[in-house]
Protein backbone atom coordinates (compact mmCIF):
# COMPACT_ATOMS: atom_id res chain seq x y z
CA MET A 1 85.16 123.38 23.72
CA ILE A 2 84.70 127.02 24.58
CA VAL A 3 81.22 128.56 24.55
CA GLU A 4 80.77 132.14 23.36
CA VAL A 5 78.65 133.94 25.92
CA ASN A 6 76.87 137.22 25.24
CA ASP A 7 74.43 139.61 26.87
CA SER A 8 71.44 137.55 25.72
CA ASN A 9 72.58 134.02 26.66
CA PHE A 10 74.56 134.68 29.87
CA GLU A 11 71.79 133.63 32.22
CA GLU A 12 71.01 130.44 30.33
CA VAL A 13 74.61 129.35 29.73
CA VAL A 14 76.32 130.50 32.93
CA LEU A 15 73.82 131.04 35.72
CA LYS A 16 71.80 127.90 34.97
CA SER A 17 74.81 125.64 34.34
CA GLU A 18 75.09 122.53 36.46
CA LYS A 19 78.86 122.57 35.98
CA LEU A 20 81.56 124.88 37.26
CA VAL A 21 81.88 127.70 34.70
CA ILE A 22 85.11 129.54 34.00
CA ILE A 23 84.53 132.73 31.98
CA ASP A 24 87.24 134.71 30.23
CA PHE A 25 86.27 138.37 29.72
CA TRP A 26 88.45 139.67 26.90
CA ALA A 27 88.77 142.03 23.93
CA GLU A 28 90.46 141.68 20.54
CA TRP A 29 92.84 144.60 21.17
CA CYS A 30 94.01 143.32 24.59
CA GLY A 31 97.54 141.88 24.57
CA PRO A 32 97.33 140.10 27.94
CA CYS A 33 94.02 138.57 26.81
CA ARG A 34 95.90 136.83 24.01
CA MET A 35 98.17 135.28 26.66
CA VAL A 36 95.19 133.90 28.62
CA ASP A 37 93.31 132.56 25.57
CA PRO A 38 95.39 129.39 25.03
CA ILE A 39 95.26 128.65 28.77
CA ILE A 40 91.45 128.74 28.76
CA LYS A 41 91.45 126.48 25.67
CA GLU A 42 93.71 123.96 27.43
CA ILE A 43 91.53 124.01 30.55
CA SER A 44 88.41 123.47 28.43
CA GLU A 45 89.98 120.34 26.93
CA GLU A 46 91.57 118.96 30.11
CA TYR A 47 88.45 119.49 32.23
CA ALA A 48 85.90 118.60 29.55
CA GLY A 49 82.73 117.23 31.13
CA ARG A 50 83.51 118.79 34.51
CA VAL A 51 84.03 122.45 33.63
CA LEU A 52 82.28 124.70 31.12
CA ALA A 53 84.73 127.17 29.61
CA ALA A 54 83.27 130.37 28.19
CA LYS A 55 84.42 133.65 26.68
CA VAL A 56 82.78 137.08 26.69
CA ASP A 57 83.96 139.80 24.32
CA VAL A 58 83.55 142.90 26.51
CA ASP A 59 83.36 145.26 23.52
CA SER A 60 80.44 143.36 21.99
CA ASN A 61 78.68 142.65 25.29
CA PRO A 62 78.75 145.78 27.46
CA GLY A 63 75.60 144.77 29.38
CA ILE A 64 76.95 141.72 31.16
CA SER A 65 80.41 143.26 31.49
CA SER A 66 78.93 146.29 33.23
CA LYS A 67 76.58 144.22 35.40
CA LEU A 68 79.51 142.13 36.67
CA GLY A 69 81.74 145.17 37.19
CA ILE A 70 84.40 144.22 34.67
CA ARG A 71 86.81 147.16 34.69
CA ASN A 72 90.04 145.49 33.62
CA ILE A 73 90.73 142.67 31.21
CA PRO A 74 91.52 139.91 31.08
CA THR A 75 89.22 139.01 33.95
CA VAL A 76 88.45 135.35 34.52
CA MET A 77 85.47 134.54 36.74
CA PHE A 78 84.44 131.22 38.25
CA PHE A 79 80.71 130.52 38.66
CA MET A 80 79.04 127.67 40.56
CA ASP A 81 75.30 127.26 41.01
CA GLY A 82 74.66 130.68 39.48
CA GLU A 83 77.03 132.53 41.83
CA MET A 84 80.48 133.96 41.25
CA VAL A 85 82.79 132.08 43.61
CA ASP A 86 86.20 133.42 42.54
CA LYS A 87 87.90 135.64 40.01
CA GLN A 88 91.29 136.57 38.64
CA VAL A 89 92.10 139.92 37.09
CA GLY A 90 95.13 140.01 34.80
CA ALA A 91 97.18 137.39 33.01
CA VAL A 92 98.61 134.62 35.19
CA PRO A 93 100.11 131.19 34.46
CA LYS A 94 97.91 128.15 33.88
CA SER A 95 98.94 126.68 37.23
CA TYR A 96 97.25 129.61 38.97
CA PHE A 97 93.92 128.95 37.25
CA VAL A 98 94.20 125.23 38.02
CA SER A 99 94.87 126.00 41.69
CA LYS A 100 91.59 127.96 41.77
CA LEU A 101 89.64 125.32 39.81
CA GLU A 102 90.64 122.17 41.68
CA PRO A 103 89.12 123.05 45.08
CA LEU A 104 85.82 123.96 43.38
CA LEU A 105 85.39 120.60 41.66
């Protein structure tokens, strides 16, 4: 399951999570974002219970996008214990995301 994160619930959902959080920053008009979307869905299912998968629409949530310095999309960030521990800018294969996730679990 993927959680929709926005400017108002970011702190509660992401920063206070006890799980590793993978957040996909995207926009409807972004072609590469559509390539990453099914990968994030697969990860959310395969790592259910261990990883919280989330999405942030940058057009609808400029506050958190600006605060985190999102300048290009898709950007996928990894948060643990309220801190960003890794990120990937641009579309990459699923194996790349998994190679970043596994050491953090």
